Amino acid sequence: MLKLMIAGIATSVLVTLPLVLDDDLRTWGLYIAILPTLQILGLLLVLAGRRVGGAWLVIVGALPMIPAGIPAALGARRMLDEVERERRRIRRSSVVED
């Protein structure tokens, strides 16, 4: 999951970088650069332990960048699925203990 997110974010950054560096497209490039910035902030949140919020930030930043953002969005979605499975497992174990 994390590797997929990192690969997708790197792809998004590499797609955005030429737009930011081009003098004619600099304004558009800066607007578009907001999306990889959201993805990077989401990745930092994931690494800090805030997996749900970070995964949602990655998804929000990745989906408009189709097809470059698809790997990041898939990795974030898998992370959200894993968090949900863990929550269900914890709920089941707490019900069994009661």
PDB file of N, CA and C in Angstrom:
ATOM      1  N   MET A   1       0.814  -1.183   0.000  1.00  0.00           N
ATOM      2  CA  MET A   1       0.000   0.000   0.000  1.00  0.00           C
ATOM      3  C   MET A   1       0.865   1.257   0.000  1.00  0.00           C
ATOM      4  N   LEU A   2       1.777   1.319   0.950  1.00  0.00           N
ATOM      5  CA  LEU A   2       2.614   2.506   1.077  1.00  0.00           C
ATOM      6  C   LEU A   2       3.501   2.684  -0.155  1.00  0.00           C
ATOM      7  N   LYS A   3       4.021   1.574  -0.668  1.00  0.00           N
ATOM      8  CA  LYS A   3       4.858   1.660  -1.875  1.00  0.00           C
ATOM      9  C   LYS A   3       4.047   2.159  -3.063  1.00  0.00           C
ATOM     10  N   LEU A   4       2.818   1.702  -3.160  1.00  0.00           N
ATOM     11  CA  LEU A   4       1.942   2.128  -4.250  1.00  0.00           C
ATOM     12  C   LEU A   4       1.627   3.620  -4.134  1.00  0.00           C
ATOM     13  N   MET A   5       1.375   4.075  -2.909  1.00  0.00           N
ATOM     14  CA  MET A   5       1.117   5.497  -2.696  1.00  0.00           C
ATOM     15  C   MET A   5       2.337   6.334  -3.064  1.00  0.00           C
ATOM     16  N   ILE A   6       3.505   5.896  -2.635  1.00  0.00           N
ATOM     17  CA  ILE A   6       4.731   6.646  -2.925  1.00  0.00           C
ATOM     18  C   ILE A   6       4.990   6.690  -4.429  1.00  0.00           C
ATOM     19  N   ALA A   7       4.779   5.563  -5.111  1.00  0.00           N
ATOM     20  CA  ALA A   7       4.980   5.534  -6.567  1.00  0.00           C
ATOM     21  C   ALA A   7       4.013   6.481  -7.273  1.00  0.00           C
ATOM     22  N   GLY A   8       2.765   6.492  -6.847  1.00  0.00           N
ATOM     23  CA  GLY A   8       1.779   7.387  -7.452  1.00  0.00           C
ATOM     24  C   GLY A   8       2.084   8.850  -7.194  1.00  0.00           C
ATOM     25  N   ILE A   9       2.530   9.156  -5.979  1.00  0.00           N
ATOM     26  CA  ILE A   9       2.875  10.539  -5.649  1.00  0.00           C
ATOM     27  C   ILE A   9       4.087  10.980  -6.461  1.00  0.00           C
ATOM     28  N   ALA A  10       5.083  10.108  -6.581  1.00  0.00           N
ATOM     29  CA  ALA A  10       6.273  10.449  -7.371  1.00  0.00           C
ATOM     30  C   ALA A  10       5.896  10.700  -8.831  1.00  0.00           C
ATOM     31  N   THR A  11       5.001   9.892  -9.363  1.00  0.00           N
ATOM     32  CA  THR A  11       4.542  10.089 -10.742  1.00  0.00           C
ATOM     33  C   THR A  11       3.829  11.430 -10.892  1.00  0.00           C
ATOM     34  N   SER A  12       2.987  11.759  -9.930  1.00  0.00           N
ATOM     35  CA  SER A  12       2.273  13.037  -9.985  1.00  0.00           C
ATOM     36  C   SER A  12       3.234  14.221  -9.927  1.00  0.00           C
ATOM     37  N   VAL A  13       4.243  14.105  -9.085  1.00  0.00           N
ATOM     38  CA  VAL A  13       5.235  15.184  -8.985  1.00  0.00           C
ATOM     39  C   VAL A  13       6.002  15.311 -10.297  1.00  0.00           C
ATOM     40  N   LEU A  14       6.387  14.175 -10.878  1.00  0.00           N
ATOM     41  CA  LEU A  14       7.129  14.218 -12.137  1.00  0.00           C
ATOM     42  C   LEU A  14       6.291  14.774 -13.288  1.00  0.00           C
ATOM     43  N   VAL A  15       4.999  14.550 -13.260  1.00  0.00           N
ATOM     44  CA  VAL A  15       4.117  15.097 -14.290  1.00  0.00           C
ATOM     45  C   VAL A  15       3.945  16.604 -14.097  1.00  0.00           C
ATOM     46  N   THR A  16       3.889  17.047 -12.854  1.00  0.00           N
ATOM     47  CA  THR A  16       3.650  18.455 -12.551  1.00  0.00           C
ATOM     48  C   THR A  16       4.895  19.313 -12.704  1.00  0.00           C
ATOM     49  N   LEU A  17       6.049  18.746 -12.442  1.00  0.00           N
ATOM     50  CA  LEU A  17       7.295  19.516 -12.434  1.00  0.00           C
ATOM     51  C   LEU A  17       7.567  20.277 -13.736  1.00  0.00           C
ATOM     52  N   PRO A  18       7.422  19.674 -14.917  1.00  0.00           N
ATOM     53  CA  PRO A  18       7.663  20.452 -16.150  1.00  0.00           C
ATOM     54  C   PRO A  18       6.720  21.648 -16.308  1.00  0.00           C
ATOM     55  N   LEU A  19       5.495  21.520 -15.820  1.00  0.00           N
ATOM     56  CA  LEU A  19       4.555  22.639 -15.910  1.00  0.00           C
ATOM     57  C   LEU A  19       4.993  23.808 -15.038  1.00  0.00           C
ATOM     58  N   VAL A  20       5.509  23.497 -13.866  1.00  0.00           N
ATOM     59  CA  VAL A  20       5.959  24.549 -12.949  1.00  0.00           C
ATOM     60  C   VAL A  20       7.208  25.232 -13.488  1.00  0.00           C
ATOM     61  N   LEU A  21       8.067  24.477 -14.144  1.00  0.00           N
ATOM     62  CA  LEU A  21       9.328  25.035 -14.631  1.00  0.00           C
ATOM     63  C   LEU A  21       9.195  25.784 -15.955  1.00  0.00           C
ATOM     64  N   ASP A  22       8.117  25.566 -16.690  1.00  0.00           N
ATOM     65  CA  ASP A  22       7.912  26.244 -17.972  1.00  0.00           C
ATOM     66  C   ASP A  22       7.390  27.664 -17.727  1.00  0.00           C
ATOM     67  N   ASP A  23       8.039  28.649 -18.332  1.00  0.00           N
ATOM     68  CA  ASP A  23       7.653  30.045 -18.114  1.00  0.00           C
ATOM     69  C   ASP A  23       6.242  30.351 -18.604  1.00  0.00           C
ATOM     70  N   ASP A  24       5.844  29.782 -19.714  1.00  0.00           N
ATOM     71  CA  ASP A  24       4.521  30.071 -20.270  1.00  0.00           C
ATOM     72  C   ASP A  24       3.392  29.427 -19.465  1.00  0.00           C
ATOM     73  N   LEU A  25       3.663  28.302 -18.855  1.00  0.00           N
ATOM     74  CA  LEU A  25       2.620  27.564 -18.123  1.00  0.00           C
ATOM     75  C   LEU A  25       2.780  27.651 -16.609  1.00  0.00           C
ATOM     76  N   ARG A  26       3.627  28.534 -16.135  1.00  0.00           N
ATOM     77  CA  ARG A  26       3.945  28.581 -14.706  1.00  0.00           C
ATOM     78  C   ARG A  26       2.703  28.775 -13.835  1.00  0.00           C
ATOM     79  N   THR A  27       1.797  29.659 -14.220  1.00  0.00           N
ATOM     80  CA  THR A  27       0.607  29.908 -13.400  1.00  0.00           C
ATOM     81  C   THR A  27      -0.244  28.651 -13.290  1.00  0.00           C
ATOM     82  N   TRP A  28      -0.492  27.998 -14.425  1.00  0.00           N
ATOM     83  CA  TRP A  28      -1.261  26.748 -14.392  1.00  0.00           C
ATOM     84  C   TRP A  28      -0.517  25.676 -13.607  1.00  0.00           C
ATOM     85  N   GLY A  29       0.794  25.644 -13.794  1.00  0.00           N
ATOM     86  CA  GLY A  29       1.597  24.659 -13.078  1.00  0.00           C
ATOM     87  C   GLY A  29       1.514  24.821 -11.577  1.00  0.00           C
ATOM     88  N   LEU A  30       1.483  26.057 -11.113  1.00  0.00           N
ATOM     89  CA  LEU A  30       1.370  26.289  -9.668  1.00  0.00           C
ATOM     90  C   LEU A  30       0.006  25.858  -9.139  1.00  0.00           C
ATOM     91  N   TYR A  31      -1.048  26.103  -9.925  1.00  0.00           N
ATOM     92  CA  TYR A  31      -2.369  25.632  -9.512  1.00  0.00           C
ATOM     93  C   TYR A  31      -2.419  24.105  -9.475  1.00  0.00           C
ATOM     94  N   ILE A  32      -1.859  23.488 -10.490  1.00  0.00           N
ATOM     95  CA  ILE A  32      -1.862  22.024 -10.550  1.00  0.00           C
ATOM     96  C   ILE A  32      -0.951  21.434  -9.478  1.00  0.00           C
ATOM     97  N   ALA A  33       0.097  22.155  -9.089  1.00  0.00           N
ATOM     98  CA  ALA A  33       1.031  21.661  -8.069  1.00  0.00           C
ATOM     99  C   ALA A  33       0.375  21.524  -6.702  1.00  0.00           C
ATOM    100  N   ILE A  34      -0.791  22.114  -6.524  1.00  0.00           N
ATOM    101  CA  ILE A  34      -1.515  21.953  -5.259  1.00  0.00           C
ATOM    102  C   ILE A  34      -1.880  20.488  -5.045  1.00  0.00           C
ATOM    103  N   LEU A  35      -2.198  19.777  -6.122  1.00  0.00           N
ATOM    104  CA  LEU A  35      -2.627  18.379  -5.997  1.00  0.00           C
ATOM    105  C   LEU A  35      -1.511  17.471  -5.471  1.00  0.00           C
ATOM    106  N   PRO A  36      -0.299  17.492  -6.048  1.00  0.00           N
ATOM    107  CA  PRO A  36       0.765  16.678  -5.452  1.00  0.00           C
ATOM    108  C   PRO A  36       1.133  17.130  -4.040  1.00  0.00           C
ATOM    109  N   THR A  37       0.955  18.424  -3.757  1.00  0.00           N
ATOM    110  CA  THR A  37       1.222  18.905  -2.400  1.00  0.00           C
ATOM    111  C   THR A  37       0.256  18.263  -1.413  1.00  0.00           C
ATOM    112  N   LEU A  38      -1.018  18.159  -1.789  1.00  0.00           N
ATOM    113  CA  LEU A  38      -1.985  17.464  -0.935  1.00  0.00           C
ATOM    114  C   LEU A  38      -1.587  16.004  -0.740  1.00  0.00           C
ATOM    115  N   GLN A  39      -1.113  15.378  -1.809  1.00  0.00           N
ATOM    116  CA  GLN A  39      -0.697  13.983  -1.713  1.00  0.00           C
ATOM    117  C   GLN A  39       0.495  13.827  -0.767  1.00  0.00           C
ATOM    118  N   ILE A  40       1.454  14.734  -0.869  1.00  0.00           N
ATOM    119  CA  ILE A  40       2.638  14.659  -0.004  1.00  0.00           C
ATOM    120  C   ILE A  40       2.245  14.896   1.450  1.00  0.00           C
ATOM    121  N   LEU A  41       1.364  15.869   1.701  1.00  0.00           N
ATOM    122  CA  LEU A  41       0.890  16.096   3.069  1.00  0.00           C
ATOM    123  C   LEU A  41       0.160  14.864   3.601  1.00  0.00           C
ATOM    124  N   GLY A  42      -0.640  14.233   2.745  1.00  0.00           N
ATOM    125  CA  GLY A  42      -1.323  13.009   3.146  1.00  0.00           C
ATOM    126  C   GLY A  42      -0.346  11.895   3.481  1.00  0.00           C
ATOM    127  N   LEU A  43       0.702  11.761   2.679  1.00  0.00           N
ATOM    128  CA  LEU A  43       1.721  10.746   2.955  1.00  0.00           C
ATOM    129  C   LEU A  43       2.410  11.020   4.287  1.00  0.00           C
ATOM    130  N   LEU A  44       2.707  12.285   4.565  1.00  0.00           N
ATOM    131  CA  LEU A  44       3.325  12.630   5.848  1.00  0.00           C
ATOM    132  C   LEU A  44       2.397  12.306   7.016  1.00  0.00           C
ATOM    133  N   LEU A  45       1.095  12.537   6.833  1.00  0.00           N
ATOM    134  CA  LEU A  45       0.141  12.169   7.880  1.00  0.00           C
ATOM    135  C   LEU A  45       0.099  10.656   8.081  1.00  0.00           C
ATOM    136  N   VAL A  46       0.130   9.911   6.992  1.00  0.00           N
ATOM    137  CA  VAL A  46       0.137   8.447   7.091  1.00  0.00           C
ATOM    138  C   VAL A  46       1.371   7.985   7.860  1.00  0.00           C
ATOM    139  N   LEU A  47       2.517   8.551   7.525  1.00  0.00           N
ATOM    140  CA  LEU A  47       3.753   8.167   8.208  1.00  0.00           C
ATOM    141  C   LEU A  47       3.744   8.584   9.675  1.00  0.00           C
ATOM    142  N   ALA A  48       2.981   9.628  10.007  1.00  0.00           N
ATOM    143  CA  ALA A  48       2.880  10.089  11.394  1.00  0.00           C
ATOM    144  C   ALA A  48       1.841   9.299  12.183  1.00  0.00           C
ATOM    145  N   GLY A  49       1.154   8.362  11.527  1.00  0.00           N
ATOM    146  CA  GLY A  49       0.193   7.524  12.231  1.00  0.00           C
ATOM    147  C   GLY A  49      -1.258   7.926  12.030  1.00  0.00           C
ATOM    148  N   ARG A  50      -1.526   8.990  11.333  1.00  0.00           N
ATOM    149  CA  ARG A  50      -2.895   9.437  11.056  1.00  0.00           C
ATOM    150  C   ARG A  50      -3.317   8.885   9.698  1.00  0.00           C
ATOM    151  N   ARG A  51      -3.539   7.561   9.653  1.00  0.00           N
ATOM    152  CA  ARG A  51      -3.720   6.884   8.374  1.00  0.00           C
ATOM    153  C   ARG A  51      -4.993   7.277   7.641  1.00  0.00           C
ATOM    154  N   VAL A  52      -6.098   7.437   8.351  1.00  0.00           N
ATOM    155  CA  VAL A  52      -7.363   7.729   7.672  1.00  0.00           C
ATOM    156  C   VAL A  52      -7.332   9.121   7.043  1.00  0.00           C
ATOM    157  N   GLY A  53      -6.966  10.121   7.818  1.00  0.00           N
ATOM    158  CA  GLY A  53      -6.898  11.484   7.284  1.00  0.00           C
ATOM    159  C   GLY A  53      -5.878  11.613   6.170  1.00  0.00           C
ATOM    160  N   GLY A  54      -4.736  10.974   6.356  1.00  0.00           N
ATOM    161  CA  GLY A  54      -3.699  11.019   5.333  1.00  0.00           C
ATOM    162  C   GLY A  54      -4.121  10.337   4.051  1.00  0.00           C
ATOM    163  N   ALA A  55      -4.778   9.197   4.184  1.00  0.00           N
ATOM    164  CA  ALA A  55      -5.233   8.471   2.995  1.00  0.00           C
ATOM    165  C   ALA A  55      -6.269   9.289   2.226  1.00  0.00           C
ATOM    166  N   TRP A  56      -7.162   9.960   2.941  1.00  0.00           N
ATOM    167  CA  TRP A  56      -8.155  10.789   2.257  1.00  0.00           C
ATOM    168  C   TRP A  56      -7.500  11.965   1.547  1.00  0.00           C
ATOM    169  N   LEU A  57      -6.480  12.571   2.146  1.00  0.00           N
ATOM    170  CA  LEU A  57      -5.767  13.659   1.465  1.00  0.00           C
ATOM    171  C   LEU A  57      -5.089  13.159   0.192  1.00  0.00           C
ATOM    172  N   VAL A  58      -4.517  11.963   0.264  1.00  0.00           N
ATOM    173  CA  VAL A  58      -3.877  11.391  -0.924  1.00  0.00           C
ATOM    174  C   VAL A  58      -4.917  11.156  -2.016  1.00  0.00           C
ATOM    175  N   ILE A  59      -6.073  10.637  -1.648  1.00  0.00           N
ATOM    176  CA  ILE A  59      -7.126  10.391  -2.639  1.00  0.00           C
ATOM    177  C   ILE A  59      -7.596  11.698  -3.269  1.00  0.00           C
ATOM    178  N   VAL A  60      -7.822  12.716  -2.443  1.00  0.00           N
ATOM    179  CA  VAL A  60      -8.286  14.010  -2.964  1.00  0.00           C
ATOM    180  C   VAL A  60      -7.257  14.610  -3.919  1.00  0.00           C
ATOM    181  N   GLY A  61      -5.985  14.460  -3.611  1.00  0.00           N
ATOM    182  CA  GLY A  61      -4.950  14.997  -4.483  1.00  0.00           C
ATOM    183  C   GLY A  61      -4.690  14.152  -5.714  1.00  0.00           C
ATOM    184  N   ALA A  62      -4.993  12.861  -5.639  1.00  0.00           N
ATOM    185  CA  ALA A  62      -4.648  11.952  -6.731  1.00  0.00           C
ATOM    186  C   ALA A  62      -5.738  11.828  -7.794  1.00  0.00           C
ATOM    187  N   LEU A  63      -6.984  11.832  -7.407  1.00  0.00           N
ATOM    188  CA  LEU A  63      -8.049  11.572  -8.378  1.00  0.00           C
ATOM    189  C   LEU A  63      -8.114  12.577  -9.525  1.00  0.00           C
ATOM    190  N   PRO A  64      -7.924  13.882  -9.299  1.00  0.00           N
ATOM    191  CA  PRO A  64      -7.950  14.787 -10.458  1.00  0.00           C
ATOM    192  C   PRO A  64      -6.769  14.592 -11.413  1.00  0.00           C
ATOM    193  N   MET A  65      -5.743  13.882 -10.992  1.00  0.00           N
ATOM    194  CA  MET A  65      -4.544  13.719 -11.821  1.00  0.00           C
ATOM    195  C   MET A  65      -4.551  12.400 -12.593  1.00  0.00           C
ATOM    196  N   ILE A  66      -5.719  11.969 -13.021  1.00  0.00           N
ATOM    197  CA  ILE A  66      -5.821  10.715 -13.762  1.00  0.00           C
ATOM    198  C   ILE A  66      -5.084  10.868 -15.077  1.00  0.00           C
ATOM    199  N   PRO A  67      -4.312   9.928 -15.526  1.00  0.00           N
ATOM    200  CA  PRO A  67      -4.005   8.617 -14.985  1.00  0.00           C
ATOM    201  C   PRO A  67      -2.803   8.585 -14.046  1.00  0.00           C
ATOM    202  N   ALA A  68      -2.071   9.683 -13.912  1.00  0.00           N
ATOM    203  CA  ALA A  68      -0.849   9.665 -13.101  1.00  0.00           C
ATOM    204  C   ALA A  68      -1.130   9.402 -11.627  1.00  0.00           C
ATOM    205  N   GLY A  69      -2.278   9.811 -11.121  1.00  0.00           N
ATOM    206  CA  GLY A  69      -2.567   9.670  -9.704  1.00  0.00           C
ATOM    207  C   GLY A  69      -3.236   8.370  -9.315  1.00  0.00           C
ATOM    208  N   ILE A  70      -3.540   7.522 -10.280  1.00  0.00           N
ATOM    209  CA  ILE A  70      -4.259   6.279  -9.977  1.00  0.00           C
ATOM    210  C   ILE A  70      -3.506   5.388  -8.990  1.00  0.00           C
ATOM    211  N   PRO A  71      -2.196   5.153  -9.139  1.00  0.00           N
ATOM    212  CA  PRO A  71      -1.521   4.297  -8.148  1.00  0.00           C
ATOM    213  C   PRO A  71      -1.612   4.847  -6.727  1.00  0.00           C
ATOM    214  N   ALA A  72      -1.486   6.146  -6.560  1.00  0.00           N
ATOM    215  CA  ALA A  72      -1.578   6.736  -5.222  1.00  0.00           C
ATOM    216  C   ALA A  72      -2.980   6.557  -4.653  1.00  0.00           C
ATOM    217  N   ALA A  73      -3.999   6.767  -5.478  1.00  0.00           N
ATOM    218  CA  ALA A  73      -5.377   6.606  -5.017  1.00  0.00           C
ATOM    219  C   ALA A  73      -5.666   5.153  -4.648  1.00  0.00           C
ATOM    220  N   LEU A  74      -5.157   4.207  -5.429  1.00  0.00           N
ATOM    221  CA  LEU A  74      -5.363   2.786  -5.108  1.00  0.00           C
ATOM    222  C   LEU A  74      -4.672   2.408  -3.804  1.00  0.00           C
ATOM    223  N   GLY A  75      -3.452   2.889  -3.616  1.00  0.00           N
ATOM    224  CA  GLY A  75      -2.741   2.609  -2.369  1.00  0.00           C
ATOM    225  C   GLY A  75      -3.455   3.197  -1.167  1.00  0.00           C
ATOM    226  N   ALA A  76      -3.976   4.405  -1.306  1.00  0.00           N
ATOM    227  CA  ALA A  76      -4.708   5.038  -0.211  1.00  0.00           C
ATOM    228  C   ALA A  76      -6.004   4.288   0.073  1.00  0.00           C
ATOM    229  N   ARG A  77      -6.682   3.844  -0.977  1.00  0.00           N
ATOM    230  CA  ARG A  77      -7.928   3.095  -0.781  1.00  0.00           C
ATOM    231  C   ARG A  77      -7.660   1.769  -0.056  1.00  0.00           C
ATOM    232  N   ARG A  78      -6.574   1.112  -0.422  1.00  0.00           N
ATOM    233  CA  ARG A  78      -6.215  -0.135   0.264  1.00  0.00           C
ATOM    234  C   ARG A  78      -5.911   0.124   1.737  1.00  0.00           C
ATOM    235  N   MET A  79      -5.273   1.259   2.022  1.00  0.00           N
ATOM    236  CA  MET A  79      -4.978   1.594   3.405  1.00  0.00           C
ATOM    237  C   MET A  79      -6.269   1.829   4.185  1.00  0.00           C
ATOM    238  N   LEU A  80      -7.232   2.525   3.583  1.00  0.00           N
ATOM    239  CA  LEU A  80      -8.520   2.734   4.247  1.00  0.00           C
ATOM    240  C   LEU A  80      -9.234   1.407   4.483  1.00  0.00           C
ATOM    241  N   ASP A  81      -9.155   0.491   3.527  1.00  0.00           N
ATOM    242  CA  ASP A  81      -9.757  -0.830   3.708  1.00  0.00           C
ATOM    243  C   ASP A  81      -9.100  -1.578   4.860  1.00  0.00           C
ATOM    244  N   GLU A  82      -7.781  -1.479   4.969  1.00  0.00           N
ATOM    245  CA  GLU A  82      -7.069  -2.148   6.054  1.00  0.00           C
ATOM    246  C   GLU A  82      -7.462  -1.568   7.409  1.00  0.00           C
ATOM    247  N   VAL A  83      -7.596  -0.256   7.486  1.00  0.00           N
ATOM    248  CA  VAL A  83      -8.015   0.386   8.738  1.00  0.00           C
ATOM    249  C   VAL A  83      -9.408  -0.092   9.121  1.00  0.00           C
ATOM    250  N   GLU A  84     -10.302  -0.191   8.154  1.00  0.00           N
ATOM    251  CA  GLU A  84     -11.656  -0.656   8.434  1.00  0.00           C
ATOM    252  C   GLU A  84     -11.652  -2.109   8.918  1.00  0.00           C
ATOM    253  N   ARG A  85     -10.821  -2.962   8.316  1.00  0.00           N
ATOM    254  CA  ARG A  85     -10.724  -4.355   8.775  1.00  0.00           C
ATOM    255  C   ARG A  85     -10.214  -4.416  10.211  1.00  0.00           C
ATOM    256  N   GLU A  86      -9.222  -3.587  10.540  1.00  0.00           N
ATOM    257  CA  GLU A  86      -8.698  -3.558  11.908  1.00  0.00           C
ATOM    258  C   GLU A  86      -9.769  -3.111  12.894  1.00  0.00           C
ATOM    259  N   ARG A  87     -10.545  -2.112  12.521  1.00  0.00           N
ATOM    260  CA  ARG A  87     -11.618  -1.632  13.407  1.00  0.00           C
ATOM    261  C   ARG A  87     -12.661  -2.717  13.634  1.00  0.00           C
ATOM    262  N   ARG A  88     -13.026  -3.442  12.571  1.00  0.00           N
ATOM    263  CA  ARG A  88     -13.997  -4.533  12.728  1.00  0.00           C
ATOM    264  C   ARG A  88     -13.455  -5.628  13.627  1.00  0.00           C
ATOM    265  N   ARG A  89     -12.159  -5.945  13.450  1.00  0.00           N
ATOM    266  CA  ARG A  89     -11.545  -6.981  14.276  1.00  0.00           C
ATOM    267  C   ARG A  89     -11.536  -6.559  15.747  1.00  0.00           C
ATOM    268  N   ILE A  90     -11.251  -5.296  16.012  1.00  0.00           N
ATOM    269  CA  ILE A  90     -11.237  -4.793  17.389  1.00  0.00           C
ATOM    270  C   ILE A  90     -12.642  -4.826  17.970  1.00  0.00           C
ATOM    271  N   ARG A  91     -13.648  -4.440  17.172  1.00  0.00           N
ATOM    272  CA  ARG A  91     -15.029  -4.487  17.657  1.00  0.00           C
ATOM    273  C   ARG A  91     -15.448  -5.913  17.982  1.00  0.00           C
ATOM    274  N   ARG A  92     -15.078  -6.854  17.117  1.00  0.00           N
ATOM    275  CA  ARG A  92     -15.431  -8.254  17.366  1.00  0.00           C
ATOM    276  C   ARG A  92     -14.772  -8.767  18.635  1.00  0.00           C
ATOM    277  N   SER A  93     -13.505  -8.431  18.829  1.00  0.00           N
ATOM    278  CA  SER A  93     -12.808  -8.925  20.017  1.00  0.00           C
ATOM    279  C   SER A  93     -13.375  -8.293  21.281  1.00  0.00           C
ATOM    280  N   SER A  94     -13.824  -7.040  21.221  1.00  0.00           N
ATOM    281  CA  SER A  94     -14.404  -6.415  22.412  1.00  0.00           C
ATOM    282  C   SER A  94     -15.780  -6.997  22.706  1.00  0.00           C
ATOM    283  N   VAL A  95     -16.528  -7.394  21.680  1.00  0.00           N
ATOM    284  CA  VAL A  95     -17.834  -8.019  21.889  1.00  0.00           C
ATOM    285  C   VAL A  95     -17.649  -9.399  22.500  1.00  0.00           C
ATOM    286  N   VAL A  96     -16.650 -10.137  22.054  1.00  0.00           N
ATOM    287  CA  VAL A  96     -16.393 -11.477  22.574  1.00  0.00           C
ATOM    288  C   VAL A  96     -15.982 -11.406  24.041  1.00  0.00           C
ATOM    289  N   GLU A  97     -15.208 -10.399  24.424  1.00  0.00           N
ATOM    290  CA  GLU A  97     -14.757 -10.265  25.805  1.00  0.00           C
ATOM    291  C   GLU A  97     -15.897  -9.916  26.744  1.00  0.00           C
ATOM    292  N   ASP A  98     -16.909  -9.184  26.255  1.00  0.00           N
ATOM    293  CA  ASP A  98     -18.036  -8.788  27.110  1.00  0.00           C
ATOM    294  C   ASP A  98     -18.876  -9.984  27.370  1.00  0.00           C
TER     295      ASP A  98
END
